[in-house]
Amino acid sequence: MDLSLSGCSLGATGLRKVANALHSVNSLEQLKVDLSFNESGDAGLRDLAQALSALSQLRSIEFNLNRNRIGDVGVSWLAQGVAALPGLEAMHLLLFDNVVGEAGVYELARTVRGLRRPSRIAIGLNRNSVSEAGVQAIAGAVGALPALVELELSLSVSGIGWAGIHDLAQSVNTLPKLQSLSLDLNVNQIGTAGARLMA
């Protein structure tokens, strides 16, 4: 299922209606939803996460939630919804230009670490307050997924320094099956030493 509702001024009420619609298609194996630029805030994510958690046959999800004023609470709800999917093999979450902080990143990292058999992971957190500790949590999570084949992390303008990049590089180097790696680390304080680590 592919649903695009970008820039439709849905707000929290509109996302609740999208969530209600998802309840009626519980046999889905693939779900791609673009809800970017809808000003949903955290409130819009609660019902969406509950609907997502009921889609137990999902193998692949892609959510574009860029620019929705989503913070730690909303990301925590979303993480709980993803964590309830036992057969998830591919996860693509875009959360550019929101207000996600360390606490939300921790919840997201914990969910990623708990996935049972993912082969493809993409997480977009550009222009959020990920912080050094946040990227270290993400690094630890992806490093715990030995079956990972594709990894894409977008973390530009996120307050990351050398220590976070160091942990990320170490985790990536431990993934035996990794074939494709894409990292967006623009406008962070990683320095020359950090750039060398990721080369």
N, C-alpha and C. Protein backbone atom coordinates (compact mmCIF):
# COMPACT_ATOMS: atom_id res chain seq x y z
N MET A 1 0.85 -1.19 0.00
CA MET A 1 0.00 0.00 0.00
C MET A 1 0.89 1.24 0.00
N ASP A 2 0.58 2.19 -0.87
CA ASP A 2 1.34 3.42 -1.02
C ASP A 2 0.36 4.59 -0.89
N LEU A 3 0.55 5.41 0.16
CA LEU A 3 -0.36 6.51 0.43
C LEU A 3 0.43 7.80 0.58
N SER A 4 0.15 8.80 -0.25
CA SER A 4 0.85 10.07 -0.19
C SER A 4 -0.12 11.20 0.15
N LEU A 5 0.11 11.84 1.32
CA LEU A 5 -0.74 12.93 1.80
C LEU A 5 0.12 14.09 2.28
N SER A 6 1.22 14.33 1.61
CA SER A 6 2.13 15.39 2.00
C SER A 6 1.49 16.77 1.82
N GLY A 7 1.68 17.65 2.83
CA GLY A 7 1.22 19.02 2.72
C GLY A 7 -0.28 19.18 2.61
N CYS A 8 -1.03 18.31 3.26
CA CYS A 8 -2.50 18.36 3.15
C CYS A 8 -3.17 18.98 4.38
N SER A 9 -2.38 19.60 5.25
CA SER A 9 -2.92 20.26 6.45
C SER A 9 -3.78 19.32 7.29
N LEU A 10 -3.33 18.09 7.44
CA LEU A 10 -4.12 17.10 8.16
C LEU A 10 -4.21 17.38 9.65
N GLY A 11 -3.08 17.78 10.24
CA GLY A 11 -3.07 17.95 11.69
C GLY A 11 -3.29 16.63 12.40
N ALA A 12 -3.45 16.69 13.71
CA ALA A 12 -3.64 15.47 14.50
C ALA A 12 -4.95 14.76 14.14
N THR A 13 -5.98 15.54 13.86
CA THR A 13 -7.29 14.96 13.52
C THR A 13 -7.21 14.16 12.22
N GLY A 14 -6.52 14.69 11.24
CA GLY A 14 -6.37 14.00 9.97
C GLY A 14 -5.58 12.71 10.10
N LEU A 15 -4.51 12.75 10.91
CA LEU A 15 -3.72 11.53 11.12
C LEU A 15 -4.54 10.46 11.84
N ARG A 16 -5.45 10.89 12.70
CA ARG A 16 -6.34 9.93 13.38
C ARG A 16 -7.22 9.22 12.35
N LYS A 17 -7.68 9.95 11.35
CA LYS A 17 -8.50 9.34 10.30
C LYS A 17 -7.69 8.38 9.45
N VAL A 18 -6.43 8.74 9.17
CA VAL A 18 -5.55 7.82 8.44
C VAL A 18 -5.36 6.54 9.26
N ALA A 19 -5.16 6.70 10.55
CA ALA A 19 -4.98 5.54 11.43
C ALA A 19 -6.21 4.64 11.40
N ASN A 20 -7.40 5.22 11.44
CA ASN A 20 -8.63 4.44 11.39
C ASN A 20 -8.73 3.66 10.08
N ALA A 21 -8.28 4.26 8.99
CA ALA A 21 -8.32 3.58 7.70
C ALA A 21 -7.37 2.39 7.68
N LEU A 22 -6.21 2.53 8.33
CA LEU A 22 -5.23 1.43 8.36
C LEU A 22 -5.76 0.22 9.11
N HIS A 23 -6.63 0.44 10.05
CA HIS A 23 -7.21 -0.69 10.82
C HIS A 23 -7.98 -1.65 9.92
N SER A 24 -8.42 -1.18 8.76
CA SER A 24 -9.24 -2.02 7.88
C SER A 24 -8.43 -2.81 6.87
N VAL A 25 -7.10 -2.67 6.90
CA VAL A 25 -6.25 -3.37 5.93
C VAL A 25 -5.17 -4.16 6.67
N ASN A 26 -5.59 -4.97 7.62
CA ASN A 26 -4.62 -5.64 8.50
C ASN A 26 -3.87 -6.80 7.86
N SER A 27 -4.07 -7.05 6.57
CA SER A 27 -3.33 -8.11 5.89
C SER A 27 -2.12 -7.56 5.12
N LEU A 28 -1.86 -6.29 5.25
CA LEU A 28 -0.76 -5.66 4.50
C LEU A 28 0.59 -6.27 4.85
N GLU A 29 1.44 -6.39 3.83
CA GLU A 29 2.82 -6.80 4.05
C GLU A 29 3.79 -5.65 3.79
N GLN A 30 3.37 -4.67 2.99
CA GLN A 30 4.19 -3.50 2.70
C GLN A 30 3.35 -2.25 2.88
N LEU A 31 3.95 -1.24 3.52
CA LEU A 31 3.22 0.01 3.76
C LEU A 31 4.17 1.19 3.56
N LYS A 32 3.78 2.10 2.67
CA LYS A 32 4.54 3.32 2.42
C LYS A 32 3.60 4.50 2.56
N VAL A 33 3.89 5.39 3.52
CA VAL A 33 3.00 6.51 3.80
C VAL A 33 3.80 7.81 3.88
N ASP A 34 3.42 8.80 3.10
CA ASP A 34 4.04 10.13 3.14
C ASP A 34 3.07 11.09 3.81
N LEU A 35 3.40 11.48 5.04
CA LEU A 35 2.59 12.42 5.81
C LEU A 35 3.38 13.68 6.15
N SER A 36 4.36 13.99 5.35
CA SER A 36 5.22 15.14 5.63
C SER A 36 4.44 16.46 5.49
N PHE A 37 4.92 17.49 6.20
CA PHE A 37 4.37 18.84 6.13
C PHE A 37 2.87 18.88 6.49
N ASN A 38 2.51 18.23 7.59
CA ASN A 38 1.11 18.23 8.00
C ASN A 38 0.86 18.78 9.40
N GLU A 39 1.92 19.23 10.08
CA GLU A 39 1.77 19.87 11.39
C GLU A 39 0.97 19.01 12.37
N SER A 40 1.25 17.73 12.39
CA SER A 40 0.47 16.81 13.24
C SER A 40 0.84 16.91 14.70
N GLY A 41 2.11 17.23 15.00
CA GLY A 41 2.56 17.23 16.38
C GLY A 41 2.58 15.83 16.96
N ASP A 42 2.89 15.74 18.23
CA ASP A 42 2.94 14.44 18.89
C ASP A 42 1.58 13.75 18.91
N ALA A 43 0.53 14.53 19.08
CA ALA A 43 -0.81 13.96 19.24
C ALA A 43 -1.21 13.10 18.05
N GLY A 44 -0.76 13.47 16.87
CA GLY A 44 -1.12 12.70 15.68
C GLY A 44 -0.49 11.34 15.60
N LEU A 45 0.60 11.15 16.35
CA LEU A 45 1.34 9.88 16.25
C LEU A 45 0.75 8.76 17.10
N ARG A 46 0.02 9.10 18.12
CA ARG A 46 -0.48 8.06 19.04
C ARG A 46 -1.39 7.07 18.33
N ASP A 47 -2.42 7.57 17.66
CA ASP A 47 -3.36 6.69 16.96
C ASP A 47 -2.69 5.99 15.79
N LEU A 48 -1.78 6.69 15.12
CA LEU A 48 -1.07 6.08 13.99
C LEU A 48 -0.22 4.90 14.46
N ALA A 49 0.45 5.07 15.60
CA ALA A 49 1.28 3.99 16.15
C ALA A 49 0.44 2.80 16.57
N GLN A 50 -0.71 3.06 17.14
CA GLN A 50 -1.60 1.97 17.53
C GLN A 50 -2.09 1.19 16.32
N ALA A 51 -2.42 1.91 15.25
CA ALA A 51 -2.85 1.24 14.03
C ALA A 51 -1.71 0.42 13.43
N LEU A 52 -0.51 0.98 13.47
CA LEU A 52 0.65 0.29 12.93
C LEU A 52 0.91 -1.01 13.67
N SER A 53 0.80 -0.98 14.98
CA SER A 53 1.09 -2.17 15.78
C SER A 53 0.12 -3.31 15.51
N ALA A 54 -1.05 -3.00 14.96
CA ALA A 54 -2.04 -4.04 14.67
C ALA A 54 -1.80 -4.71 13.32
N LEU A 55 -0.87 -4.18 12.52
CA LEU A 55 -0.60 -4.74 11.19
C LEU A 55 0.50 -5.80 11.30
N SER A 56 0.17 -6.90 11.91
CA SER A 56 1.15 -7.90 12.32
C SER A 56 1.83 -8.62 11.16
N GLN A 57 1.30 -8.50 9.94
CA GLN A 57 1.91 -9.18 8.80
C GLN A 57 2.89 -8.30 8.02
N LEU A 58 3.08 -7.08 8.48
CA LEU A 58 3.97 -6.16 7.76
C LEU A 58 5.40 -6.69 7.71
N ARG A 59 5.99 -6.60 6.53
CA ARG A 59 7.40 -6.94 6.33
C ARG A 59 8.24 -5.70 6.03
N SER A 60 7.58 -4.66 5.51
CA SER A 60 8.30 -3.45 5.10
C SER A 60 7.45 -2.22 5.41
N ILE A 61 8.06 -1.22 6.07
CA ILE A 61 7.36 0.04 6.31
C ILE A 61 8.23 1.21 5.90
N GLU A 62 7.59 2.23 5.37
CA GLU A 62 8.27 3.48 5.04
C GLU A 62 7.35 4.63 5.42
N PHE A 63 7.77 5.42 6.39
CA PHE A 63 7.01 6.57 6.85
C PHE A 63 7.81 7.84 6.63
N ASN A 64 7.24 8.79 5.91
CA ASN A 64 7.82 10.12 5.78
C ASN A 64 7.01 11.06 6.67
N LEU A 65 7.64 11.47 7.77
CA LEU A 65 6.99 12.36 8.74
C LEU A 65 7.77 13.67 8.88
N ASN A 66 8.45 14.06 7.83
CA ASN A 66 9.24 15.29 7.87
C ASN A 66 8.36 16.50 8.17
N ARG A 67 8.90 17.41 8.98
CA ARG A 67 8.26 18.69 9.28
C ARG A 67 6.83 18.55 9.79
N ASN A 68 6.71 17.92 10.94
CA ASN A 68 5.40 17.76 11.57
C ASN A 68 5.40 18.18 13.04
N ARG A 69 6.44 18.85 13.50
CA ARG A 69 6.55 19.28 14.90
C ARG A 69 6.46 18.09 15.86
N ILE A 70 7.02 16.98 15.46
CA ILE A 70 7.02 15.78 16.29
C ILE A 70 8.20 15.83 17.27
N GLY A 71 7.92 15.55 18.53
CA GLY A 71 8.95 15.54 19.56
C GLY A 71 9.19 14.16 20.13
N ASP A 72 9.78 14.10 21.31
CA ASP A 72 10.14 12.83 21.91
C ASP A 72 8.94 11.94 22.20
N VAL A 73 7.85 12.52 22.63
CA VAL A 73 6.66 11.73 22.95
C VAL A 73 6.13 11.04 21.70
N GLY A 74 6.01 11.79 20.62
CA GLY A 74 5.51 11.21 19.38
C GLY A 74 6.41 10.12 18.83
N VAL A 75 7.72 10.34 18.89
CA VAL A 75 8.67 9.33 18.42
C VAL A 75 8.60 8.08 19.29
N SER A 76 8.38 8.25 20.59
CA SER A 76 8.25 7.10 21.48
C SER A 76 7.04 6.26 21.11
N TRP A 77 5.93 6.91 20.80
CA TRP A 77 4.75 6.17 20.36
C TRP A 77 5.02 5.43 19.05
N LEU A 78 5.65 6.13 18.12
CA LEU A 78 5.98 5.49 16.84
C LEU A 78 6.90 4.29 17.04
N ALA A 79 7.88 4.43 17.92
CA ALA A 79 8.81 3.33 18.20
C ALA A 79 8.06 2.13 18.78
N GLN A 80 7.09 2.38 19.64
CA GLN A 80 6.30 1.29 20.21
C GLN A 80 5.50 0.56 19.14
N GLY A 81 4.96 1.31 18.19
CA GLY A 81 4.22 0.70 17.10
C GLY A 81 5.10 -0.20 16.24
N VAL A 82 6.30 0.28 15.93
CA VAL A 82 7.25 -0.51 15.14
C VAL A 82 7.69 -1.76 15.90
N ALA A 83 7.92 -1.60 17.19
CA ALA A 83 8.40 -2.72 18.01
C ALA A 83 7.40 -3.88 18.07
N ALA A 84 6.15 -3.60 17.79
CA ALA A 84 5.11 -4.64 17.85
C ALA A 84 5.01 -5.47 16.58
N LEU A 85 5.89 -5.22 15.60
CA LEU A 85 5.82 -5.91 14.30
C LEU A 85 6.86 -7.03 14.27
N PRO A 86 6.45 -8.26 14.49
CA PRO A 86 7.41 -9.36 14.65
C PRO A 86 8.18 -9.74 13.39
N GLY A 87 7.59 -9.52 12.22
CA GLY A 87 8.23 -9.97 10.98
C GLY A 87 8.86 -8.88 10.16
N LEU A 88 9.09 -7.71 10.76
CA LEU A 88 9.59 -6.57 10.00
C LEU A 88 11.00 -6.82 9.48
N GLU A 89 11.17 -6.67 8.16
CA GLU A 89 12.46 -6.87 7.51
C GLU A 89 13.08 -5.57 7.00
N ALA A 90 12.25 -4.57 6.72
CA ALA A 90 12.74 -3.31 6.20
C ALA A 90 12.00 -2.16 6.87
N MET A 91 12.76 -1.19 7.37
CA MET A 91 12.18 -0.03 8.05
C MET A 91 12.83 1.25 7.53
N HIS A 92 12.00 2.19 7.10
CA HIS A 92 12.48 3.47 6.58
C HIS A 92 11.66 4.56 7.27
N LEU A 93 12.27 5.30 8.19
CA LEU A 93 11.59 6.35 8.93
C LEU A 93 12.28 7.69 8.68
N LEU A 94 11.54 8.64 8.12
CA LEU A 94 12.06 9.98 7.87
C LEU A 94 11.40 10.96 8.84
N LEU A 95 12.24 11.64 9.61
CA LEU A 95 11.76 12.58 10.63
C LEU A 95 12.54 13.90 10.56
N PHE A 96 12.87 14.34 9.35
CA PHE A 96 13.63 15.58 9.19
C PHE A 96 12.86 16.77 9.76
N ASP A 97 13.60 17.74 10.30
CA ASP A 97 13.02 19.02 10.71
C ASP A 97 11.86 18.88 11.68
N ASN A 98 12.03 18.06 12.68
CA ASN A 98 11.07 17.97 13.77
C ASN A 98 11.75 18.47 15.04
N VAL A 99 11.24 18.12 16.18
CA VAL A 99 11.82 18.58 17.45
C VAL A 99 12.19 17.38 18.33
N VAL A 100 12.76 16.38 17.70
CA VAL A 100 13.16 15.16 18.38
C VAL A 100 14.46 15.42 19.15
N GLY A 101 14.51 14.99 20.40
CA GLY A 101 15.69 15.13 21.23
C GLY A 101 16.27 13.78 21.63
N GLU A 102 17.14 13.82 22.61
CA GLU A 102 17.85 12.62 23.04
C GLU A 102 16.90 11.49 23.48
N ALA A 103 15.88 11.85 24.26
CA ALA A 103 14.96 10.83 24.78
C ALA A 103 14.25 10.09 23.66
N GLY A 104 13.80 10.81 22.64
CA GLY A 104 13.14 10.17 21.51
C GLY A 104 14.08 9.29 20.72
N VAL A 105 15.32 9.75 20.54
CA VAL A 105 16.32 8.96 19.83
C VAL A 105 16.61 7.66 20.59
N TYR A 106 16.70 7.74 21.91
CA TYR A 106 16.91 6.54 22.73
C TYR A 106 15.81 5.51 22.48
N GLU A 107 14.55 5.97 22.47
CA GLU A 107 13.42 5.05 22.25
C GLU A 107 13.49 4.41 20.88
N LEU A 108 13.84 5.22 19.90
CA LEU A 108 13.97 4.70 18.53
C LEU A 108 15.10 3.68 18.44
N ALA A 109 16.22 3.98 19.09
CA ALA A 109 17.36 3.06 19.09
C ALA A 109 17.01 1.75 19.78
N ARG A 110 16.27 1.83 20.86
CA ARG A 110 15.88 0.61 21.58
C ARG A 110 14.98 -0.28 20.70
N THR A 111 14.10 0.35 19.94
CA THR A 111 13.24 -0.41 19.03
C THR A 111 14.06 -1.07 17.93
N VAL A 112 15.00 -0.32 17.35
CA VAL A 112 15.85 -0.88 16.29
C VAL A 112 16.63 -2.09 16.82
N ARG A 113 17.19 -1.96 17.99
CA ARG A 113 17.96 -3.06 18.58
C ARG A 113 17.11 -4.31 18.77
N GLY A 114 15.82 -4.13 19.03
CA GLY A 114 14.93 -5.25 19.31
C GLY A 114 14.32 -5.91 18.09
N LEU A 115 14.55 -5.36 16.89
CA LEU A 115 14.00 -5.97 15.68
C LEU A 115 14.60 -7.37 15.48
N ARG A 116 13.77 -8.30 15.07
CA ARG A 116 14.20 -9.70 15.03
C ARG A 116 14.99 -10.07 13.78
N ARG A 117 14.61 -9.53 12.63
CA ARG A 117 15.29 -9.97 11.41
C ARG A 117 15.35 -8.89 10.32
N PRO A 118 15.78 -7.70 10.68
CA PRO A 118 15.83 -6.65 9.66
C PRO A 118 17.03 -6.80 8.74
N SER A 119 16.80 -6.55 7.46
CA SER A 119 17.91 -6.54 6.50
C SER A 119 18.16 -5.14 5.96
N ARG A 120 17.15 -4.25 6.05
CA ARG A 120 17.29 -2.89 5.54
C ARG A 120 16.75 -1.89 6.56
N ILE A 121 17.59 -0.94 6.93
CA ILE A 121 17.21 0.10 7.89
C ILE A 121 17.59 1.47 7.32
N ALA A 122 16.65 2.41 7.35
CA ALA A 122 16.93 3.80 6.99
C ALA A 122 16.27 4.69 8.02
N ILE A 123 17.05 5.59 8.61
CA ILE A 123 16.54 6.51 9.62
C ILE A 123 17.00 7.92 9.25
N GLY A 124 16.05 8.83 9.13
CA GLY A 124 16.36 10.22 8.79
C GLY A 124 16.03 11.15 9.94
N LEU A 125 17.05 11.73 10.53
CA LEU A 125 16.87 12.64 11.67
C LEU A 125 17.57 13.98 11.44
N ASN A 126 17.75 14.36 10.20
CA ASN A 126 18.38 15.64 9.91
C ASN A 126 17.69 16.79 10.62
N ARG A 127 18.49 17.70 11.17
CA ARG A 127 17.99 18.91 11.82
C ARG A 127 17.06 18.61 12.99
N ASN A 128 17.47 17.63 13.80
CA ASN A 128 16.88 17.37 15.10
C ASN A 128 18.01 17.41 16.14
N SER A 129 17.67 17.44 17.41
CA SER A 129 18.68 17.49 18.47
C SER A 129 19.09 16.08 18.88
N VAL A 130 19.72 15.37 17.94
CA VAL A 130 20.11 13.97 18.18
C VAL A 130 21.14 13.89 19.30
N SER A 131 22.15 14.72 19.27
CA SER A 131 23.23 14.83 20.25
C SER A 131 24.23 13.67 20.14
N GLU A 132 25.33 13.85 20.82
CA GLU A 132 26.38 12.83 20.84
C GLU A 132 25.87 11.51 21.42
N ALA A 133 25.19 11.61 22.57
CA ALA A 133 24.68 10.40 23.22
C ALA A 133 23.63 9.71 22.36
N GLY A 134 22.84 10.49 21.63
CA GLY A 134 21.82 9.90 20.78
C GLY A 134 22.41 9.07 19.65
N VAL A 135 23.44 9.61 18.99
CA VAL A 135 24.05 8.86 17.89
C VAL A 135 24.79 7.63 18.42
N GLN A 136 25.30 7.72 19.65
CA GLN A 136 25.93 6.55 20.25
C GLN A 136 24.90 5.45 20.51
N ALA A 137 23.69 5.85 20.90
CA ALA A 137 22.62 4.86 21.09
C ALA A 137 22.23 4.21 19.76
N ILE A 138 22.14 5.01 18.69
CA ILE A 138 21.83 4.46 17.38
C ILE A 138 22.94 3.52 16.92
N ALA A 139 24.18 3.92 17.16
CA ALA A 139 25.31 3.08 16.77
C ALA A 139 25.24 1.72 17.46
N GLY A 140 24.96 1.73 18.76
CA GLY A 140 24.85 0.47 19.48
C GLY A 140 23.72 -0.39 18.97
N ALA A 141 22.63 0.24 18.56
CA ALA A 141 21.47 -0.50 18.06
C ALA A 141 21.76 -1.17 16.73
N VAL A 142 22.31 -0.43 15.77
CA VAL A 142 22.57 -1.04 14.46
C VAL A 142 23.69 -2.08 14.55
N GLY A 143 24.61 -1.89 15.49
CA GLY A 143 25.69 -2.86 15.66
C GLY A 143 25.20 -4.19 16.18
N ALA A 144 23.98 -4.21 16.71
CA ALA A 144 23.39 -5.45 17.24
C ALA A 144 22.56 -6.20 16.21
N LEU A 145 22.67 -5.80 14.93
CA LEU A 145 21.86 -6.40 13.86
C LEU A 145 22.77 -7.05 12.82
N PRO A 146 23.28 -8.23 13.09
CA PRO A 146 24.26 -8.86 12.19
C PRO A 146 23.72 -9.22 10.82
N ALA A 147 22.40 -9.29 10.66
CA ALA A 147 21.83 -9.65 9.35
C ALA A 147 21.62 -8.43 8.45
N LEU A 148 21.99 -7.24 8.91
CA LEU A 148 21.74 -6.02 8.16
C LEU A 148 22.53 -6.00 6.85
N VAL A 149 21.82 -5.73 5.75
CA VAL A 149 22.43 -5.68 4.42
C VAL A 149 22.54 -4.24 3.92
N GLU A 150 21.53 -3.41 4.23
CA GLU A 150 21.52 -2.02 3.80
C GLU A 150 21.27 -1.11 5.00
N LEU A 151 22.07 -0.05 5.11
CA LEU A 151 21.92 0.91 6.21
C LEU A 151 22.04 2.32 5.66
N GLU A 152 21.06 3.15 5.99
CA GLU A 152 21.08 4.56 5.60
C GLU A 152 20.74 5.40 6.82
N LEU A 153 21.66 6.29 7.20
CA LEU A 153 21.45 7.18 8.34
C LEU A 153 21.64 8.62 7.89
N SER A 154 20.63 9.44 8.08
CA SER A 154 20.71 10.86 7.75
C SER A 154 20.70 11.64 9.06
N LEU A 155 21.85 12.24 9.39
CA LEU A 155 22.03 12.86 10.70
C LEU A 155 22.68 14.24 10.59
N SER A 156 22.43 14.94 9.50
CA SER A 156 23.05 16.25 9.33
C SER A 156 22.44 17.27 10.30
N VAL A 157 23.23 18.23 10.70
CA VAL A 157 22.81 19.32 11.60
C VAL A 157 22.14 18.73 12.85
N SER A 158 22.83 17.84 13.52
CA SER A 158 22.22 17.10 14.64
C SER A 158 23.05 17.13 15.91
N GLY A 159 24.07 17.98 15.98
CA GLY A 159 24.84 18.11 17.20
C GLY A 159 25.74 16.93 17.51
N ILE A 160 26.32 16.34 16.47
CA ILE A 160 27.15 15.14 16.64
C ILE A 160 28.63 15.52 16.60
N GLY A 161 29.42 14.92 17.47
CA GLY A 161 30.86 15.15 17.50
C GLY A 161 31.65 13.89 17.22
N TRP A 162 32.95 13.96 17.53
CA TRP A 162 33.85 12.87 17.20
C TRP A 162 33.48 11.56 17.91
N ALA A 163 33.10 11.64 19.18
CA ALA A 163 32.81 10.42 19.95
C ALA A 163 31.66 9.63 19.33
N GLY A 164 30.62 10.34 18.90
CA GLY A 164 29.49 9.65 18.27
C GLY A 164 29.87 8.99 16.97
N ILE A 165 30.68 9.69 16.16
CA ILE A 165 31.13 9.13 14.89
C ILE A 165 32.04 7.92 15.14
N HIS A 166 32.85 8.01 16.17
CA HIS A 166 33.73 6.88 16.51
C HIS A 166 32.91 5.62 16.79
N ASP A 167 31.87 5.75 17.61
CA ASP A 167 31.03 4.59 17.93
C ASP A 167 30.28 4.10 16.70
N LEU A 168 29.82 5.02 15.87
CA LEU A 168 29.10 4.64 14.66
C LEU A 168 30.01 3.86 13.71
N ALA A 169 31.24 4.33 13.54
CA ALA A 169 32.19 3.64 12.67
C ALA A 169 32.49 2.24 13.18
N GLN A 170 32.67 2.11 14.48
CA GLN A 170 32.94 0.78 15.06
C GLN A 170 31.77 -0.17 14.83
N SER A 171 30.55 0.32 15.03
CA SER A 171 29.37 -0.53 14.85
C SER A 171 29.23 -0.99 13.40
N VAL A 172 29.40 -0.05 12.47
CA VAL A 172 29.27 -0.39 11.04
C VAL A 172 30.29 -1.44 10.65
N ASN A 173 31.48 -1.34 11.19
CA ASN A 173 32.56 -2.29 10.84
C ASN A 173 32.33 -3.69 11.38
N THR A 174 31.36 -3.84 12.29
CA THR A 174 31.08 -5.18 12.84
C THR A 174 29.96 -5.90 12.10
N LEU A 175 29.38 -5.26 11.09
CA LEU A 175 28.23 -5.86 10.39
C LEU A 175 28.72 -6.73 9.23
N PRO A 176 28.68 -8.05 9.38
CA PRO A 176 29.32 -8.94 8.40
C PRO A 176 28.63 -9.00 7.04
N LYS A 177 27.32 -8.70 6.97
CA LYS A 177 26.58 -8.84 5.72
C LYS A 177 26.29 -7.50 5.04
N LEU A 178 26.77 -6.41 5.61
CA LEU A 178 26.44 -5.10 5.08
C LEU A 178 27.00 -4.91 3.66
N GLN A 179 26.11 -4.57 2.73
CA GLN A 179 26.50 -4.36 1.33
C GLN A 179 26.34 -2.91 0.89
N SER A 180 25.43 -2.19 1.53
CA SER A 180 25.15 -0.81 1.12
C SER A 180 25.09 0.09 2.35
N LEU A 181 25.87 1.18 2.33
CA LEU A 181 25.92 2.10 3.46
C LEU A 181 25.84 3.53 2.94
N SER A 182 24.90 4.31 3.48
CA SER A 182 24.76 5.72 3.14
C SER A 182 24.66 6.53 4.42
N LEU A 183 25.58 7.49 4.60
CA LEU A 183 25.61 8.33 5.80
C LEU A 183 25.60 9.80 5.41
N ASP A 184 24.63 10.55 5.91
CA ASP A 184 24.60 12.00 5.74
C ASP A 184 24.95 12.61 7.09
N LEU A 185 26.17 13.13 7.18
CA LEU A 185 26.67 13.69 8.44
C LEU A 185 27.05 15.16 8.28
N ASN A 186 26.49 15.82 7.31
CA ASN A 186 26.84 17.21 7.02
C ASN A 186 26.55 18.13 8.21
N VAL A 187 27.37 19.15 8.35
CA VAL A 187 27.20 20.21 9.35
C VAL A 187 27.12 19.64 10.76
N ASN A 188 28.10 18.83 11.11
CA ASN A 188 28.30 18.36 12.48
C ASN A 188 29.76 18.65 12.85
N GLN A 189 30.09 18.44 14.09
CA GLN A 189 31.44 18.76 14.57
C GLN A 189 32.30 17.50 14.67
N ILE A 190 32.45 16.79 13.56
CA ILE A 190 33.18 15.53 13.61
C ILE A 190 34.67 15.72 13.36
N GLY A 191 35.07 16.81 12.74
CA GLY A 191 36.47 17.10 12.51
C GLY A 191 37.13 16.15 11.52
N THR A 192 38.39 16.39 11.27
CA THR A 192 39.15 15.58 10.33
C THR A 192 39.28 14.14 10.80
N ALA A 193 39.48 13.97 12.12
CA ALA A 193 39.63 12.61 12.67
C ALA A 193 38.35 11.81 12.48
N GLY A 194 37.20 12.45 12.68
CA GLY A 194 35.92 11.76 12.48
C GLY A 194 35.70 11.39 11.03
N ALA A 195 36.08 12.30 10.14
CA ALA A 195 35.93 12.02 8.70
C ALA A 195 36.80 10.83 8.29
N ARG A 196 37.99 10.74 8.85
CA ARG A 196 38.87 9.61 8.54
C ARG A 196 38.26 8.29 9.00
N LEU A 197 37.60 8.32 10.15
CA LEU A 197 36.98 7.10 10.67
C LEU A 197 35.93 6.55 9.73
N MET A 198 35.20 7.44 9.06
CA MET A 198 34.11 7.01 8.19
C MET A 198 34.55 6.80 6.75
N ALA A 199 35.81 7.05 6.45
CA ALA A 199 36.28 6.91 5.05
C ALA A 199 36.35 5.46 4.64
